[in-house]
Amino acid sequence: MRNELLCIDVTCSSVEEDLALDEALLIEADSSDGPAVLRFWEPRHHAVVLGASRSIRSDALVEACRADGVPIVRRSSGGGTVVVGPGVLNVAVVLPDSRAPGLWAVDAAHRYVLERLVGSIIGVGQPVTVEGLGDLVIGGRKCGGSAQRRLKHWFMVHCSILYAMPVEQVARYLALPERQPAYRRRRSHQDFLSNLPLTRTNLVESIRAAWSPGSAFSSPPARALALIPELMAEKFGNRSWIERF
């Protein structure tokens, strides 16, 4: 099933469940040898998503999040902390490391996915580049971030793309990162971040066409959905796991 690719556009009832579903799709693919997955999701409310090893107190403005009822959650992949919500399209690509030569290497796998994502956006007239450790950039400003999670033979790269996100929300909920890529030049969130001038439909259709032209949307596999309660209990809905750093 390695050449098959499921296209999924499903958002769960909470960000925690969305993160659990991404993980479940990777686990299911790795355990049963496929299929590959291209998934889109976009939460209905804002949330702060910590990278796997990021510190809550270093990255999130906790009091502002609590005051506004914005949850602080954690994903299983690396990378930095981000704000997701309406106007942020999340894209998860789950692939085998045999898909192309060299994908057993983290950097090569990341580059393979991002080059195709960026190519799809360039194809609809937006001059996006990849900068830093996997940022999508337009006009010198970051419009997307990415991270990777790997299992035995399969990996997942997921990317959060800003297209209609109020940047002031990021500044309210995220501290300035301690480590910054050189191209950021110590700019504030407001001066550093930018939305892509595309609609959600434009983004979804261009990215889908790049990975699986003409494919219809599918539902998540039942076996992946069945993993969500366990993953929620162990990780994504477990405050001790979320707040362990």
C-alpha atoms as a PDB file:
ATOM      1  CA  MET A   1       0.000   0.000   0.000  1.00  0.00           C
ATOM      2  CA  ARG A   2       3.040   2.288  -0.089  1.00  0.00           C
ATOM      3  CA  ASN A   3       1.980   4.028  -3.314  1.00  0.00           C
ATOM      4  CA  GLU A   4      -1.546   4.735  -2.105  1.00  0.00           C
ATOM      5  CA  LEU A   5      -2.154   8.131  -0.510  1.00  0.00           C
ATOM      6  CA  LEU A   6      -5.221   9.042   1.526  1.00  0.00           C
ATOM      7  CA  CYS A   7      -6.329  12.678   1.441  1.00  0.00           C
ATOM      8  CA  ILE A   8      -8.144  13.649   4.635  1.00  0.00           C
ATOM      9  CA  ASP A   9      -9.706  16.996   5.598  1.00  0.00           C
ATOM     10  CA  VAL A  10     -10.977  16.369   9.110  1.00  0.00           C
ATOM     11  CA  THR A  11     -10.831  18.557  12.214  1.00  0.00           C
ATOM     12  CA  CYS A  12     -11.610  16.944  15.569  1.00  0.00           C
ATOM     13  CA  SER A  13     -13.541  18.455  18.447  1.00  0.00           C
ATOM     14  CA  SER A  14     -10.360  19.569  20.279  1.00  0.00           C
ATOM     15  CA  VAL A  15      -6.764  20.374  19.394  1.00  0.00           C
ATOM     16  CA  GLU A  16      -5.616  17.560  21.653  1.00  0.00           C
ATOM     17  CA  GLU A  17      -7.625  15.081  19.578  1.00  0.00           C
ATOM     18  CA  ASP A  18      -6.271  16.582  16.361  1.00  0.00           C
ATOM     19  CA  LEU A  19      -2.711  16.009  17.559  1.00  0.00           C
ATOM     20  CA  ALA A  20      -3.648  12.502  18.660  1.00  0.00           C
ATOM     21  CA  LEU A  21      -5.117  11.755  15.223  1.00  0.00           C
ATOM     22  CA  ASP A  22      -1.912  12.889  13.491  1.00  0.00           C
ATOM     23  CA  GLU A  23       0.037  10.527  15.746  1.00  0.00           C
ATOM     24  CA  ALA A  24      -2.462   7.721  15.218  1.00  0.00           C
ATOM     25  CA  LEU A  25      -2.188   8.020  11.433  1.00  0.00           C
ATOM     26  CA  LEU A  26       1.598   7.678  11.696  1.00  0.00           C
ATOM     27  CA  ILE A  27       1.411   4.713  14.091  1.00  0.00           C
ATOM     28  CA  GLU A  28      -1.121   2.924  11.905  1.00  0.00           C
ATOM     29  CA  ALA A  29       0.930   3.483   8.751  1.00  0.00           C
ATOM     30  CA  ASP A  30       4.128   2.256  10.404  1.00  0.00           C
ATOM     31  CA  SER A  31       2.482  -0.835  11.881  1.00  0.00           C
ATOM     32  CA  SER A  32       0.573  -1.899   8.754  1.00  0.00           C
ATOM     33  CA  ASP A  33       2.845  -0.536   6.002  1.00  0.00           C
ATOM     34  CA  GLY A  34       0.526   2.197   4.836  1.00  0.00           C
ATOM     35  CA  PRO A  35      -1.225   3.896   3.348  1.00  0.00           C
ATOM     36  CA  ALA A  36       0.522   7.245   3.081  1.00  0.00           C
ATOM     37  CA  VAL A  37      -1.572  10.188   4.262  1.00  0.00           C
ATOM     38  CA  LEU A  38      -2.061  13.853   3.440  1.00  0.00           C
ATOM     39  CA  ARG A  39      -4.222  15.400   6.167  1.00  0.00           C
ATOM     40  CA  PHE A  40      -5.585  18.920   6.606  1.00  0.00           C
ATOM     41  CA  TRP A  41      -7.093  20.302   9.805  1.00  0.00           C
ATOM     42  CA  GLU A  42      -7.893  23.708  11.276  1.00  0.00           C
ATOM     43  CA  PRO A  43      -9.060  24.153  14.869  1.00  0.00           C
ATOM     44  CA  ARG A  44     -12.067  26.298  15.642  1.00  0.00           C
ATOM     45  CA  HIS A  45     -10.402  28.015  18.606  1.00  0.00           C
ATOM     46  CA  HIS A  46      -6.897  29.242  19.365  1.00  0.00           C
ATOM     47  CA  ALA A  47      -4.421  26.998  21.174  1.00  0.00           C
ATOM     48  CA  VAL A  48      -0.723  27.052  21.967  1.00  0.00           C
ATOM     49  CA  VAL A  49       1.040  23.902  20.737  1.00  0.00           C
ATOM     50  CA  LEU A  50       4.384  23.152  22.352  1.00  0.00           C
ATOM     51  CA  GLY A  51       7.095  21.228  20.538  1.00  0.00           C
ATOM     52  CA  ALA A  52       7.867  17.837  22.087  1.00  0.00           C
ATOM     53  CA  SER A  53      10.700  19.116  24.294  1.00  0.00           C
ATOM     54  CA  ARG A  54       9.749  22.763  24.682  1.00  0.00           C
ATOM     55  CA  SER A  55       9.192  24.409  28.087  1.00  0.00           C
ATOM     56  CA  ILE A  56       5.780  25.847  28.903  1.00  0.00           C
ATOM     57  CA  ARG A  57       7.192  28.686  31.012  1.00  0.00           C
ATOM     58  CA  SER A  58       9.835  29.595  28.436  1.00  0.00           C
ATOM     59  CA  ASP A  59       7.565  29.542  25.402  1.00  0.00           C
ATOM     60  CA  ALA A  60       3.992  30.329  26.425  1.00  0.00           C
ATOM     61  CA  LEU A  61       2.607  33.439  28.090  1.00  0.00           C
ATOM     62  CA  VAL A  62       0.726  31.277  30.540  1.00  0.00           C
ATOM     63  CA  GLU A  63      -1.282  33.933  32.351  1.00  0.00           C
ATOM     64  CA  ALA A  64      -2.646  35.408  29.119  1.00  0.00           C
ATOM     65  CA  CYS A  65      -3.578  31.925  27.910  1.00  0.00           C
ATOM     66  CA  ARG A  66      -5.395  31.182  31.158  1.00  0.00           C
ATOM     67  CA  ALA A  67      -7.186  34.519  31.138  1.00  0.00           C
ATOM     68  CA  ASP A  68      -8.482  33.915  27.620  1.00  0.00           C
ATOM     69  CA  GLY A  69      -9.192  30.204  28.038  1.00  0.00           C
ATOM     70  CA  VAL A  70      -6.585  29.266  25.429  1.00  0.00           C
ATOM     71  CA  PRO A  71      -5.352  25.694  26.006  1.00  0.00           C
ATOM     72  CA  ILE A  72      -1.652  24.892  26.084  1.00  0.00           C
ATOM     73  CA  VAL A  73      -1.043  21.471  24.553  1.00  0.00           C
ATOM     74  CA  ARG A  74       1.942  19.472  23.318  1.00  0.00           C
ATOM     75  CA  ARG A  75       2.674  17.552  20.128  1.00  0.00           C
ATOM     76  CA  SER A  76       4.951  14.552  19.783  1.00  0.00           C
ATOM     77  CA  SER A  77       7.206  16.099  17.131  1.00  0.00           C
ATOM     78  CA  GLY A  78      10.112  18.467  17.633  1.00  0.00           C
ATOM     79  CA  GLY A  79      10.346  22.061  16.523  1.00  0.00           C
ATOM     80  CA  GLY A  80       9.200  25.261  18.150  1.00  0.00           C
ATOM     81  CA  THR A  81       5.998  26.318  19.838  1.00  0.00           C
ATOM     82  CA  VAL A  82       3.202  27.743  17.695  1.00  0.00           C
ATOM     83  CA  VAL A  83      -0.272  29.209  17.977  1.00  0.00           C
ATOM     84  CA  VAL A  84      -2.937  27.452  15.931  1.00  0.00           C
ATOM     85  CA  GLY A  85      -6.566  28.361  15.389  1.00  0.00           C
ATOM     86  CA  PRO A  86      -8.886  29.787  12.776  1.00  0.00           C
ATOM     87  CA  GLY A  87      -6.804  31.045   9.868  1.00  0.00           C
ATOM     88  CA  VAL A  88      -4.007  28.492  10.385  1.00  0.00           C
ATOM     89  CA  LEU A  89      -4.095  25.474   8.069  1.00  0.00           C
ATOM     90  CA  ASN A  90      -2.343  22.438   9.532  1.00  0.00           C
ATOM     91  CA  VAL A  91      -0.980  19.925   7.043  1.00  0.00           C
ATOM     92  CA  ALA A  92       0.341  16.483   8.010  1.00  0.00           C
ATOM     93  CA  VAL A  93       2.180  14.291   5.490  1.00  0.00           C
ATOM     94  CA  VAL A  94       2.809  10.666   6.507  1.00  0.00           C
ATOM     95  CA  LEU A  95       5.224   8.749   4.260  1.00  0.00           C
ATOM     96  CA  PRO A  96       7.478   5.663   4.269  1.00  0.00           C
ATOM     97  CA  ASP A  97      11.214   6.230   4.251  1.00  0.00           C
ATOM     98  CA  SER A  98      11.305   4.129   1.069  1.00  0.00           C
ATOM     99  CA  ARG A  99       9.262   6.710  -0.846  1.00  0.00           C
ATOM    100  CA  ALA A 100      12.422   8.265  -2.292  1.00  0.00           C
ATOM    101  CA  PRO A 101      16.184   7.735  -1.887  1.00  0.00           C
ATOM    102  CA  GLY A 102      17.672   9.001   1.369  1.00  0.00           C
ATOM    103  CA  LEU A 103      14.455   9.576   3.315  1.00  0.00           C
ATOM    104  CA  TRP A 104      15.867   7.596   6.229  1.00  0.00           C
ATOM    105  CA  ALA A 105      17.744  10.822   7.041  1.00  0.00           C
ATOM    106  CA  VAL A 106      15.809  13.443   8.997  1.00  0.00           C
ATOM    107  CA  ASP A 107      17.028  16.426   6.977  1.00  0.00           C
ATOM    108  CA  ALA A 108      16.392  14.746   3.627  1.00  0.00           C
ATOM    109  CA  ALA A 109      12.876  13.697   4.603  1.00  0.00           C
ATOM    110  CA  HIS A 110      12.045  17.176   5.846  1.00  0.00           C
ATOM    111  CA  ARG A 111      13.390  18.781   2.687  1.00  0.00           C
ATOM    112  CA  TYR A 112      11.509  16.307   0.478  1.00  0.00           C
ATOM    113  CA  VAL A 113       8.149  17.237   2.000  1.00  0.00           C
ATOM    114  CA  LEU A 114       8.742  20.974   2.286  1.00  0.00           C
ATOM    115  CA  GLU A 115       9.981  21.301  -1.287  1.00  0.00           C
ATOM    116  CA  ARG A 116       6.748  19.812  -2.558  1.00  0.00           C
ATOM    117  CA  LEU A 117       4.628  21.970  -0.240  1.00  0.00           C
ATOM    118  CA  VAL A 118       6.486  25.106  -1.259  1.00  0.00           C
ATOM    119  CA  GLY A 119       6.305  24.166  -4.924  1.00  0.00           C
ATOM    120  CA  SER A 120       2.544  23.861  -4.692  1.00  0.00           C
ATOM    121  CA  ILE A 121       2.247  27.348  -3.179  1.00  0.00           C
ATOM    122  CA  ILE A 122       4.631  28.866  -5.723  1.00  0.00           C
ATOM    123  CA  GLY A 123       2.437  27.271  -8.372  1.00  0.00           C
ATOM    124  CA  VAL A 124      -0.457  29.517  -7.356  1.00  0.00           C
ATOM    125  CA  GLY A 125       1.660  32.657  -7.552  1.00  0.00           C
ATOM    126  CA  GLN A 126       3.150  33.056  -4.075  1.00  0.00           C
ATOM    127  CA  PRO A 127       6.987  33.254  -3.936  1.00  0.00           C
ATOM    128  CA  VAL A 128       7.510  31.174  -0.796  1.00  0.00           C
ATOM    129  CA  THR A 129      10.947  29.926   0.270  1.00  0.00           C
ATOM    130  CA  VAL A 130      12.221  27.663   3.044  1.00  0.00           C
ATOM    131  CA  GLU A 131      14.437  29.335   5.641  1.00  0.00           C
ATOM    132  CA  GLY A 132      15.925  28.409   8.995  1.00  0.00           C
ATOM    133  CA  LEU A 133      15.096  24.900  10.189  1.00  0.00           C
ATOM    134  CA  GLY A 134      11.950  24.480   8.108  1.00  0.00           C
ATOM    135  CA  ASP A 135      10.141  27.822   8.088  1.00  0.00           C
ATOM    136  CA  LEU A 136       8.000  28.863   5.145  1.00  0.00           C
ATOM    137  CA  VAL A 137       8.819  32.474   4.321  1.00  0.00           C
ATOM    138  CA  ILE A 138       7.329  35.101   2.030  1.00  0.00           C
ATOM    139  CA  GLY A 139       8.789  38.577   1.651  1.00  0.00           C
ATOM    140  CA  GLY A 140      11.251  37.915   4.462  1.00  0.00           C
ATOM    141  CA  ARG A 141       8.468  37.009   6.894  1.00  0.00           C
ATOM    142  CA  LYS A 142       7.517  33.635   8.296  1.00  0.00           C
ATOM    143  CA  CYS A 143       4.164  32.297   7.101  1.00  0.00           C
ATOM    144  CA  GLY A 144       4.554  28.692   8.260  1.00  0.00           C
ATOM    145  CA  GLY A 145       6.494  26.370  10.509  1.00  0.00           C
ATOM    146  CA  SER A 146       7.164  22.644  10.380  1.00  0.00           C
ATOM    147  CA  ALA A 147       8.262  19.691  12.501  1.00  0.00           C
ATOM    148  CA  GLN A 148       8.943  15.982  12.054  1.00  0.00           C
ATOM    149  CA  ARG A 149       8.132  12.771  13.913  1.00  0.00           C
ATOM    150  CA  ARG A 150       9.659   9.401  12.986  1.00  0.00           C
ATOM    151  CA  LEU A 151       8.886   5.785  13.804  1.00  0.00           C
ATOM    152  CA  LYS A 152      10.630   2.645  12.531  1.00  0.00           C
ATOM    153  CA  HIS A 153       9.986   2.920   8.792  1.00  0.00           C
ATOM    154  CA  TRP A 154       7.558   5.826   8.424  1.00  0.00           C
ATOM    155  CA  PHE A 155       7.747   9.518   9.246  1.00  0.00           C
ATOM    156  CA  MET A 156       5.411  12.491   9.493  1.00  0.00           C
ATOM    157  CA  VAL A 157       6.142  16.103   8.629  1.00  0.00           C
ATOM    158  CA  HIS A 158       3.494  18.536   9.706  1.00  0.00           C
ATOM    159  CA  CYS A 159       3.304  22.199   8.845  1.00  0.00           C
ATOM    160  CA  SER A 160       1.183  25.073  10.183  1.00  0.00           C
ATOM    161  CA  ILE A 161       0.488  27.675   7.491  1.00  0.00           C
ATOM    162  CA  LEU A 162      -0.858  31.133   8.294  1.00  0.00           C
ATOM    163  CA  TYR A 163      -3.386  32.484   5.822  1.00  0.00           C
ATOM    164  CA  ALA A 164      -5.870  34.482   7.940  1.00  0.00           C
ATOM    165  CA  MET A 165      -4.407  34.452  11.448  1.00  0.00           C
ATOM    166  CA  PRO A 166      -4.552  37.654  13.534  1.00  0.00           C
ATOM    167  CA  VAL A 167      -0.824  37.994  14.245  1.00  0.00           C
ATOM    168  CA  GLU A 168      -1.550  39.937  17.429  1.00  0.00           C
ATOM    169  CA  GLN A 169      -2.925  36.700  18.893  1.00  0.00           C
ATOM    170  CA  VAL A 170       0.500  35.098  18.524  1.00  0.00           C
ATOM    171  CA  ALA A 171       2.112  38.022  20.339  1.00  0.00           C
ATOM    172  CA  ARG A 172      -0.424  37.717  23.161  1.00  0.00           C
ATOM    173  CA  TYR A 173       0.175  34.015  23.775  1.00  0.00           C
ATOM    174  CA  LEU A 174       3.801  33.324  22.807  1.00  0.00           C
ATOM    175  CA  ALA A 175       7.019  34.624  24.316  1.00  0.00           C
ATOM    176  CA  LEU A 176       9.823  35.517  21.954  1.00  0.00           C
ATOM    177  CA  PRO A 177      11.891  32.369  21.386  1.00  0.00           C
ATOM    178  CA  GLU A 178      15.293  32.198  23.005  1.00  0.00           C
ATOM    179  CA  ARG A 179      16.848  30.668  19.884  1.00  0.00           C
ATOM    180  CA  GLN A 180      16.009  32.428  16.633  1.00  0.00           C
ATOM    181  CA  PRO A 181      17.027  31.859  13.012  1.00  0.00           C
ATOM    182  CA  ALA A 182      19.391  34.492  11.649  1.00  0.00           C
ATOM    183  CA  TYR A 183      16.845  35.738   9.116  1.00  0.00           C
ATOM    184  CA  ARG A 184      14.480  36.758  11.949  1.00  0.00           C
ATOM    185  CA  ARG A 185      16.888  39.515  13.041  1.00  0.00           C
ATOM    186  CA  ARG A 186      15.336  39.711  16.527  1.00  0.00           C
ATOM    187  CA  ARG A 187      12.038  41.008  15.115  1.00  0.00           C
ATOM    188  CA  SER A 188       8.836  40.943  17.188  1.00  0.00           C
ATOM    189  CA  HIS A 189       6.084  38.498  16.315  1.00  0.00           C
ATOM    190  CA  GLN A 190       4.132  41.309  14.644  1.00  0.00           C
ATOM    191  CA  ASP A 191       7.086  42.291  12.461  1.00  0.00           C
ATOM    192  CA  PHE A 192       8.208  38.737  11.751  1.00  0.00           C
ATOM    193  CA  LEU A 193       4.998  36.844  10.909  1.00  0.00           C
ATOM    194  CA  SER A 194       2.801  37.196   7.837  1.00  0.00           C
ATOM    195  CA  ASN A 195      -0.260  35.539   6.375  1.00  0.00           C
ATOM    196  CA  LEU A 196      -0.179  34.053   2.912  1.00  0.00           C
ATOM    197  CA  PRO A 197      -2.600  35.972   0.671  1.00  0.00           C
ATOM    198  CA  LEU A 198      -4.533  32.822  -0.221  1.00  0.00           C
ATOM    199  CA  THR A 199      -7.838  31.327   0.821  1.00  0.00           C
ATOM    200  CA  ARG A 200      -8.079  28.019   2.616  1.00  0.00           C
ATOM    201  CA  THR A 201      -9.560  26.482  -0.516  1.00  0.00           C
ATOM    202  CA  ASN A 202      -6.635  27.748  -2.621  1.00  0.00           C
ATOM    203  CA  LEU A 203      -4.139  26.248  -0.183  1.00  0.00           C
ATOM    204  CA  VAL A 204      -5.857  22.891   0.207  1.00  0.00           C
ATOM    205  CA  GLU A 205      -6.412  22.384  -3.495  1.00  0.00           C
ATOM    206  CA  SER A 206      -2.905  23.409  -4.525  1.00  0.00           C
ATOM    207  CA  ILE A 207      -1.266  21.168  -1.906  1.00  0.00           C
ATOM    208  CA  ARG A 208      -3.572  18.254  -2.677  1.00  0.00           C
ATOM    209  CA  ALA A 209      -2.842  18.578  -6.396  1.00  0.00           C
ATOM    210  CA  ALA A 210       0.898  18.442  -5.696  1.00  0.00           C
ATOM    211  CA  TRP A 211       0.639  15.182  -3.739  1.00  0.00           C
ATOM    212  CA  SER A 212      -2.305  13.336  -5.225  1.00  0.00           C
ATOM    213  CA  PRO A 213      -3.887  14.990  -8.290  1.00  0.00           C
ATOM    214  CA  GLY A 214      -7.569  14.265  -8.703  1.00  0.00           C
ATOM    215  CA  SER A 215      -7.896  12.309  -5.480  1.00  0.00           C
ATOM    216  CA  ALA A 216     -11.091  12.446  -3.452  1.00  0.00           C
ATOM    217  CA  PHE A 217     -11.158  13.116   0.274  1.00  0.00           C
ATOM    218  CA  SER A 218     -11.406  10.074   2.527  1.00  0.00           C
ATOM    219  CA  SER A 219     -12.309   9.477   6.154  1.00  0.00           C
ATOM    220  CA  PRO A 220      -9.528   8.578   8.588  1.00  0.00           C
ATOM    221  CA  PRO A 221      -8.948   4.802   8.782  1.00  0.00           C
ATOM    222  CA  ALA A 222     -11.004   3.167  11.525  1.00  0.00           C
ATOM    223  CA  ARG A 223      -7.889   1.595  13.052  1.00  0.00           C
ATOM    224  CA  ALA A 224      -6.291   5.020  13.442  1.00  0.00           C
ATOM    225  CA  LEU A 225      -9.436   6.466  15.024  1.00  0.00           C
ATOM    226  CA  ALA A 226      -9.485   3.567  17.474  1.00  0.00           C
ATOM    227  CA  LEU A 227      -6.038   4.607  18.754  1.00  0.00           C
ATOM    228  CA  ILE A 228      -7.147   8.107  19.787  1.00  0.00           C
ATOM    229  CA  PRO A 229      -8.571   7.287  23.273  1.00  0.00           C
ATOM    230  CA  GLU A 230      -5.357   5.547  24.312  1.00  0.00           C
ATOM    231  CA  LEU A 231      -3.177   8.335  22.922  1.00  0.00           C
ATOM    232  CA  MET A 232      -5.310  10.945  24.688  1.00  0.00           C
ATOM    233  CA  ALA A 233      -4.959   9.121  28.006  1.00  0.00           C
ATOM    234  CA  GLU A 234      -1.225   8.563  27.677  1.00  0.00           C
ATOM    235  CA  LYS A 235      -0.140  11.814  26.043  1.00  0.00           C
ATOM    236  CA  PHE A 236      -2.240  14.457  24.372  1.00  0.00           C
ATOM    237  CA  GLY A 237      -4.957  14.783  27.007  1.00  0.00           C
ATOM    238  CA  ASN A 238      -2.672  14.007  29.950  1.00  0.00           C
ATOM    239  CA  ARG A 239      -1.621  17.156  31.797  1.00  0.00           C
ATOM    240  CA  SER A 240       1.406  15.479  33.375  1.00  0.00           C
ATOM    241  CA  TRP A 241       2.722  14.649  29.882  1.00  0.00           C
ATOM    242  CA  ILE A 242       1.865  18.075  28.497  1.00  0.00           C
ATOM    243  CA  GLU A 243       3.437  19.936  31.421  1.00  0.00           C
ATOM    244  CA  ARG A 244       6.471  17.708  31.893  1.00  0.00           C
ATOM    245  CA  PHE A 245       8.863  20.494  30.819  1.00  0.00           C
END
